[in-house]
Amino acid sequence: MKVLVTGAKGQLGYDIVKELLRRGDTPVAVDVEEMDITDKEAVDNYITSANVDAVIHCAGYTAVDNAEDNAELCMKINRDGTLNIAEVCKRLDIKMMYISTDYVFNGEGEKPWEPDEKREPLNVYGQTKYEGELAVESTLEKYYIVRISWVFGLNGKNFVCTMLNLGKTHDKLTVVSDQIGSPTYTVDLSKLLVDMVHSDKYGRYHATNEGICSWYDFTCEIMKQAAEYYPEYANVEVSPVGSDAYPAKAKRPHNSRMSKDKLTQNGFDRLPVWQDALKRYLKELKENEQF
């Protein structure tokens, strides 16, 4: 299978390309230098000439706080760029996978969000991703919308690396404990996404590693596991605080729980528990001399 992957330099795109190669598929890896998704003509020309069977669209504007001041640019990339890709996929009759986010929901309550329930974004970034979803749904029949959250992988900045770096220079860390979600390892996620794109089981899905935690819980586990490599991490004291201790420009969801029952219903394997994923990620960081 020949698959075009946008955002191939990002954490998820990078691992999807690796997974496609591992399976003997043919990835066509693009980032903004090869194909500017906001340029309708360029998108049409590139995808048409690439002669692919599917597009996995990972690229996007993801700076959540900056989006509040750059709503027009964020919308141009996340909505209009996505529509440009969807329209070409429709014309060529090829599959499209759109990577979305739990930010399309309002982030309230404690119940896991279902893939097909009401979307009510709580900030500019979430609104643009929601409108990207609408662009895909209104244009295509052969589509997968996959919402993910709390992503970490080798090829980019993420929460795990931020905490590891802080742990090197701080004896005490304070981390929010009232935002709940599921960490997601791009290596695990990429396997599921490639499984999915090989199928014809279209629709909206949620995909994260199993289990839930707060950012505080996550940090405690990061320090605990990191101490197996570097004992000094065991001395880092982690304390819980409320979200109001770290005021941000964009509102953050308190509830990022997402139901993955639809994966099981459609015969897809659910991802391993997040603690196991973290363990394998730290090992990967160590082997690549990034930790």
Protein backbone atom coordinates (compact mmCIF):
# COMPACT_ATOMS: atom_id res chain seq x y z
CA MET A 1 0.00 0.00 0.00
CA LYS A 2 1.29 3.46 -0.88
CA VAL A 3 0.41 6.07 1.74
CA LEU A 4 1.10 9.81 1.84
CA VAL A 5 1.85 11.03 5.37
CA THR A 6 1.61 14.76 6.11
CA GLY A 7 3.51 16.22 9.05
CA ALA A 8 6.13 13.50 8.60
CA LYS A 9 8.72 15.40 10.65
CA GLY A 10 6.47 15.46 13.71
CA GLN A 11 6.31 12.86 16.48
CA LEU A 12 3.40 10.87 15.08
CA GLY A 13 4.14 11.28 11.36
CA TYR A 14 7.71 10.12 11.97
CA ASP A 15 6.59 6.87 13.59
CA ILE A 16 3.83 6.23 11.05
CA VAL A 17 6.43 6.39 8.26
CA LYS A 18 8.62 3.93 10.18
CA GLU A 19 5.67 1.58 10.74
CA LEU A 20 4.66 1.66 7.06
CA LEU A 21 8.23 0.78 6.07
CA ARG A 22 8.33 -2.02 8.65
CA ARG A 23 5.28 -3.60 7.04
CA GLY A 24 6.56 -3.33 3.50
CA ASP A 25 4.22 -0.48 2.58
CA THR A 26 5.44 2.54 0.64
CA PRO A 27 5.26 5.80 2.59
CA VAL A 28 5.39 9.18 0.86
CA ALA A 29 6.61 11.43 3.66
CA VAL A 30 5.85 15.14 3.32
CA ASP A 31 6.13 18.19 5.51
CA VAL A 32 5.58 21.85 4.76
CA GLU A 33 8.73 22.05 2.60
CA GLU A 34 7.38 19.42 0.19
CA MET A 35 3.67 20.30 0.31
CA ASP A 36 2.15 23.39 1.87
CA ILE A 37 -1.34 22.15 2.78
CA THR A 38 -2.76 25.70 2.64
CA ASP A 39 -1.87 25.93 -1.08
CA LYS A 40 -4.82 24.26 -2.78
CA GLU A 41 -3.13 23.90 -6.17
CA ALA A 42 0.10 22.55 -4.67
CA VAL A 43 -1.86 19.97 -2.66
CA ASP A 44 -3.78 18.86 -5.73
CA ASN A 45 -0.65 18.57 -7.86
CA TYR A 46 1.43 16.75 -5.24
CA ILE A 47 -1.15 14.16 -4.19
CA THR A 48 -2.20 13.52 -7.78
CA SER A 49 1.36 12.94 -8.95
CA ALA A 50 2.19 10.80 -5.88
CA ASN A 51 -0.35 8.18 -7.00
CA VAL A 52 -1.14 6.94 -3.47
CA ASP A 53 -3.83 4.68 -2.05
CA ALA A 54 -4.43 6.75 1.09
CA VAL A 55 -3.47 9.91 2.97
CA ILE A 56 -2.76 10.01 6.71
CA HIS A 57 -3.04 13.68 7.62
CA CYS A 58 -0.99 14.43 10.75
CA ALA A 59 0.08 17.98 9.90
CA GLY A 60 -1.53 20.86 11.74
CA TYR A 61 -1.21 24.02 13.80
CA THR A 62 -0.80 22.66 17.33
CA ALA A 63 0.44 25.61 19.43
CA VAL A 64 -2.67 25.78 21.62
CA ASP A 65 -1.97 29.06 23.42
CA ASN A 66 -0.59 30.84 20.35
CA ALA A 67 -3.74 29.87 18.47
CA GLU A 68 -5.73 32.30 20.63
CA ASP A 69 -3.81 35.19 19.04
CA ASN A 70 -3.45 33.59 15.61
CA ALA A 71 -6.94 32.26 14.99
CA GLU A 72 -6.92 33.07 11.28
CA LEU A 73 -3.65 31.22 10.61
CA CYS A 74 -4.73 28.30 12.78
CA MET A 75 -8.02 28.02 10.86
CA LYS A 76 -6.22 28.29 7.53
CA ILE A 77 -4.03 25.32 8.40
CA ASN A 78 -6.37 23.09 10.42
CA ARG A 79 -9.61 23.65 8.51
CA ASP A 80 -8.73 24.96 5.06
CA GLY A 81 -5.61 22.81 4.66
CA THR A 82 -7.58 19.73 5.68
CA LEU A 83 -10.34 20.58 3.21
CA ASN A 84 -7.76 20.95 0.42
CA ILE A 85 -6.56 17.40 1.09
CA ALA A 86 -10.09 15.99 1.45
CA GLU A 87 -11.16 17.43 -1.91
CA VAL A 88 -8.26 15.78 -3.71
CA CYS A 89 -8.93 12.48 -1.96
CA LYS A 90 -12.56 12.67 -3.11
CA ARG A 91 -11.60 13.40 -6.71
CA LEU A 92 -9.06 10.56 -6.76
CA ASP A 93 -11.31 8.22 -4.72
CA ILE A 94 -8.68 7.46 -2.09
CA LYS A 95 -8.94 7.02 1.68
CA MET A 96 -8.15 9.83 4.12
CA MET A 97 -7.26 9.63 7.80
CA TYR A 98 -7.49 12.87 9.78
CA ILE A 99 -5.72 13.05 13.13
CA SER A 100 -7.81 15.10 15.55
CA THR A 101 -8.00 15.79 19.28
CA ASP A 102 -10.12 15.57 22.42
CA TYR A 103 -10.14 19.39 22.33
CA VAL A 104 -13.19 19.18 20.06
CA PHE A 105 -15.19 18.44 23.26
CA ASN A 106 -15.91 20.87 26.09
CA GLY A 107 -13.61 19.09 28.57
CA GLU A 108 -16.16 18.96 31.39
CA GLY A 109 -17.53 16.08 33.50
CA GLU A 110 -15.91 12.74 34.26
CA LYS A 111 -17.46 10.41 31.69
CA PRO A 112 -15.29 9.24 28.78
CA TRP A 113 -16.16 10.99 25.54
CA GLU A 114 -17.73 8.77 22.88
CA PRO A 115 -16.53 9.20 19.26
CA ASP A 116 -19.92 10.27 17.94
CA GLU A 117 -21.19 12.53 20.70
CA LYS A 118 -21.70 16.28 20.55
CA ARG A 119 -18.63 18.38 19.81
CA GLU A 120 -18.29 21.67 21.65
CA PRO A 121 -14.72 23.04 21.46
CA LEU A 122 -13.39 25.03 24.40
CA ASN A 123 -10.71 27.11 22.65
CA VAL A 124 -9.56 28.34 19.22
CA TYR A 125 -7.36 25.30 18.55
CA GLY A 126 -10.23 22.94 19.36
CA GLN A 127 -12.60 24.92 17.12
CA THR A 128 -10.22 24.70 14.16
CA LYS A 129 -9.75 20.95 14.61
CA TYR A 130 -13.53 20.53 14.86
CA GLU A 131 -13.98 22.43 11.62
CA GLY A 132 -11.29 20.23 10.07
CA GLU A 133 -13.38 17.22 11.09
CA LEU A 134 -16.45 18.78 9.48
CA ALA A 135 -14.49 19.42 6.28
CA VAL A 136 -13.56 15.73 6.07
CA GLU A 137 -17.04 14.46 6.94
CA SER A 138 -18.83 16.73 4.49
CA THR A 139 -16.49 15.89 1.62
CA LEU A 140 -15.70 12.18 1.92
CA GLU A 141 -17.22 8.78 2.56
CA LYS A 142 -13.91 6.90 2.87
CA TYR A 143 -12.53 8.64 5.93
CA TYR A 144 -11.23 7.92 9.41
CA ILE A 145 -11.20 10.65 12.05
CA VAL A 146 -8.95 9.57 14.91
CA ARG A 147 -8.81 11.68 18.06
CA ILE A 148 -5.69 11.37 20.18
CA SER A 149 -4.34 13.05 23.32
CA TRP A 150 -1.23 13.57 25.47
CA VAL A 151 1.12 12.33 22.75
CA PHE A 152 4.79 11.52 23.28
CA GLY A 153 7.34 10.16 20.82
CA LEU A 154 10.97 10.31 19.82
CA ASN A 155 10.84 12.99 17.17
CA GLY A 156 9.69 16.16 18.89
CA LYS A 157 8.92 18.08 22.06
CA ASN A 158 6.49 16.57 24.53
CA PHE A 159 5.49 16.52 28.20
CA VAL A 160 7.78 13.60 29.10
CA CYS A 161 10.89 15.35 27.76
CA THR A 162 9.87 18.62 29.43
CA MET A 163 9.55 16.90 32.82
CA LEU A 164 12.82 15.00 32.38
CA ASN A 165 14.63 18.26 31.63
CA LEU A 166 13.03 20.02 34.61
CA GLY A 167 13.94 17.07 36.83
CA LYS A 168 17.61 17.60 35.99
CA THR A 169 17.62 21.15 37.35
CA HIS A 170 14.81 21.24 39.96
CA ASP A 171 14.43 19.38 43.25
CA LYS A 172 10.73 20.22 43.40
CA LEU A 173 8.08 20.27 40.69
CA THR A 174 4.43 21.34 40.91
CA VAL A 175 2.10 19.80 38.33
CA VAL A 176 -1.64 20.14 37.75
CA SER A 177 -3.74 17.30 39.15
CA ASP A 178 -7.23 18.29 37.97
CA GLN A 179 -6.80 17.53 34.26
CA ILE A 180 -7.38 13.84 33.51
CA GLY A 181 -6.49 11.95 30.34
CA SER A 182 -4.50 9.13 28.75
CA PRO A 183 -0.85 9.45 27.65
CA THR A 184 -0.27 8.10 24.14
CA TYR A 185 2.97 6.69 22.72
CA THR A 186 3.37 7.33 19.00
CA VAL A 187 5.00 3.93 18.38
CA ASP A 188 1.90 2.15 19.72
CA LEU A 189 -0.48 4.57 18.03
CA SER A 190 1.18 4.29 14.62
CA LYS A 191 0.64 0.50 14.57
CA LEU A 192 -3.09 0.98 15.17
CA LEU A 193 -3.38 3.73 12.56
CA VAL A 194 -1.69 1.61 9.90
CA ASP A 195 -3.98 -1.31 10.81
CA MET A 196 -6.91 1.04 10.39
CA VAL A 197 -5.88 2.48 7.04
CA HIS A 198 -5.50 -1.07 5.70
CA SER A 199 -9.16 -1.68 6.59
CA ASP A 200 -12.43 -0.28 5.26
CA LYS A 201 -13.83 0.35 8.75
CA TYR A 202 -14.39 4.07 8.31
CA GLY A 203 -15.69 6.59 10.84
CA ARG A 204 -14.69 8.44 14.01
CA TYR A 205 -12.44 6.76 16.57
CA HIS A 206 -10.57 7.52 19.76
CA ALA A 207 -7.06 6.11 20.18
CA THR A 208 -4.90 6.45 23.29
CA ASN A 209 -2.93 4.09 25.47
CA GLU A 210 -5.06 2.33 28.08
CA GLY A 211 -5.54 3.78 31.56
CA ILE A 212 -6.09 7.32 32.82
CA CYS A 213 -4.12 9.68 35.03
CA SER A 214 -3.60 13.34 35.82
CA TRP A 215 -0.57 15.29 34.65
CA TYR A 216 0.61 15.04 38.26
CA ASP A 217 0.24 11.22 38.25
CA PHE A 218 2.02 11.08 34.92
CA THR A 219 4.94 13.14 36.25
CA CYS A 220 5.28 10.94 39.35
CA GLU A 221 5.53 7.87 37.11
CA ILE A 222 8.02 9.60 34.80
CA MET A 223 10.32 10.37 37.74
CA LYS A 224 9.92 6.87 39.18
CA GLN A 225 10.80 5.14 35.91
CA ALA A 226 13.56 7.61 35.01
CA ALA A 227 15.23 6.85 38.34
CA GLU A 228 15.91 3.33 37.08
CA TYR A 229 18.39 4.92 34.66
CA TYR A 230 19.51 7.95 36.69
CA PRO A 231 18.99 7.64 40.48
CA GLU A 232 18.89 11.43 40.98
CA TYR A 233 15.36 11.52 39.54
CA ALA A 234 14.19 9.63 42.64
CA ASN A 235 14.99 12.75 44.68
CA VAL A 236 12.67 15.03 42.71
CA GLU A 237 9.64 15.97 44.81
CA VAL A 238 6.43 16.28 42.78
CA SER A 239 3.48 18.18 44.26
CA PRO A 240 -0.09 18.48 42.92
CA VAL A 241 -1.72 21.85 42.19
CA GLY A 242 -4.93 23.04 40.53
CA SER A 243 -5.07 24.36 36.97
CA ASP A 244 -5.50 27.91 38.29
CA ALA A 245 -1.88 27.78 39.50
CA TYR A 246 -0.80 27.85 35.86
CA PRO A 247 -3.09 30.30 34.06
CA ALA A 248 -2.87 29.85 30.28
CA LYS A 249 -4.19 31.88 27.37
CA ALA A 250 -6.22 28.93 26.06
CA LYS A 251 -8.63 27.04 28.29
CA ARG A 252 -7.57 23.43 28.90
CA PRO A 253 -9.94 20.44 29.28
CA HIS A 254 -10.32 18.96 32.75
CA ASN A 255 -11.75 15.79 31.23
CA SER A 256 -9.78 14.25 28.37
CA ARG A 257 -11.06 10.72 29.00
CA MET A 258 -12.01 9.08 25.70
CA SER A 259 -13.89 5.83 25.14
CA LYS A 260 -12.09 3.31 22.95
CA ASP A 261 -14.94 0.80 22.83
CA LYS A 262 -15.42 1.46 19.12
CA LEU A 263 -11.92 0.07 18.44
CA THR A 264 -12.89 -3.22 20.05
CA GLN A 265 -16.26 -3.29 18.28
CA ASN A 266 -14.49 -3.00 14.92
CA GLY A 267 -11.87 -5.63 15.64
CA PHE A 268 -8.90 -3.37 16.31
CA ASP A 269 -6.42 -4.10 19.10
CA ARG A 270 -6.40 -1.55 21.88
CA LEU A 271 -3.08 -0.02 22.89
CA PRO A 272 -1.04 -1.19 25.90
CA VAL A 273 -1.34 0.56 29.29
CA TRP A 274 0.37 3.94 29.39
CA GLN A 275 2.85 2.94 32.13
CA ASP A 276 4.23 0.19 29.88
CA ALA A 277 4.34 2.62 26.96
CA LEU A 278 6.32 5.10 29.05
CA LYS A 279 8.81 2.39 30.01
CA ARG A 280 9.46 1.54 26.37
CA TYR A 281 9.70 5.21 25.43
CA LEU A 282 12.33 5.96 28.09
CA LYS A 283 14.31 2.96 26.83
CA GLU A 284 14.05 4.35 23.29
CA LEU A 285 15.24 7.78 24.47
CA LYS A 286 18.21 6.19 26.24
CA GLU A 287 19.17 4.10 23.21
CA ASN A 288 19.04 7.23 21.03
CA GLU A 289 21.12 9.18 23.56
CA GLN A 290 18.31 11.70 24.15
CA PHE A 291 18.02 10.96 27.87
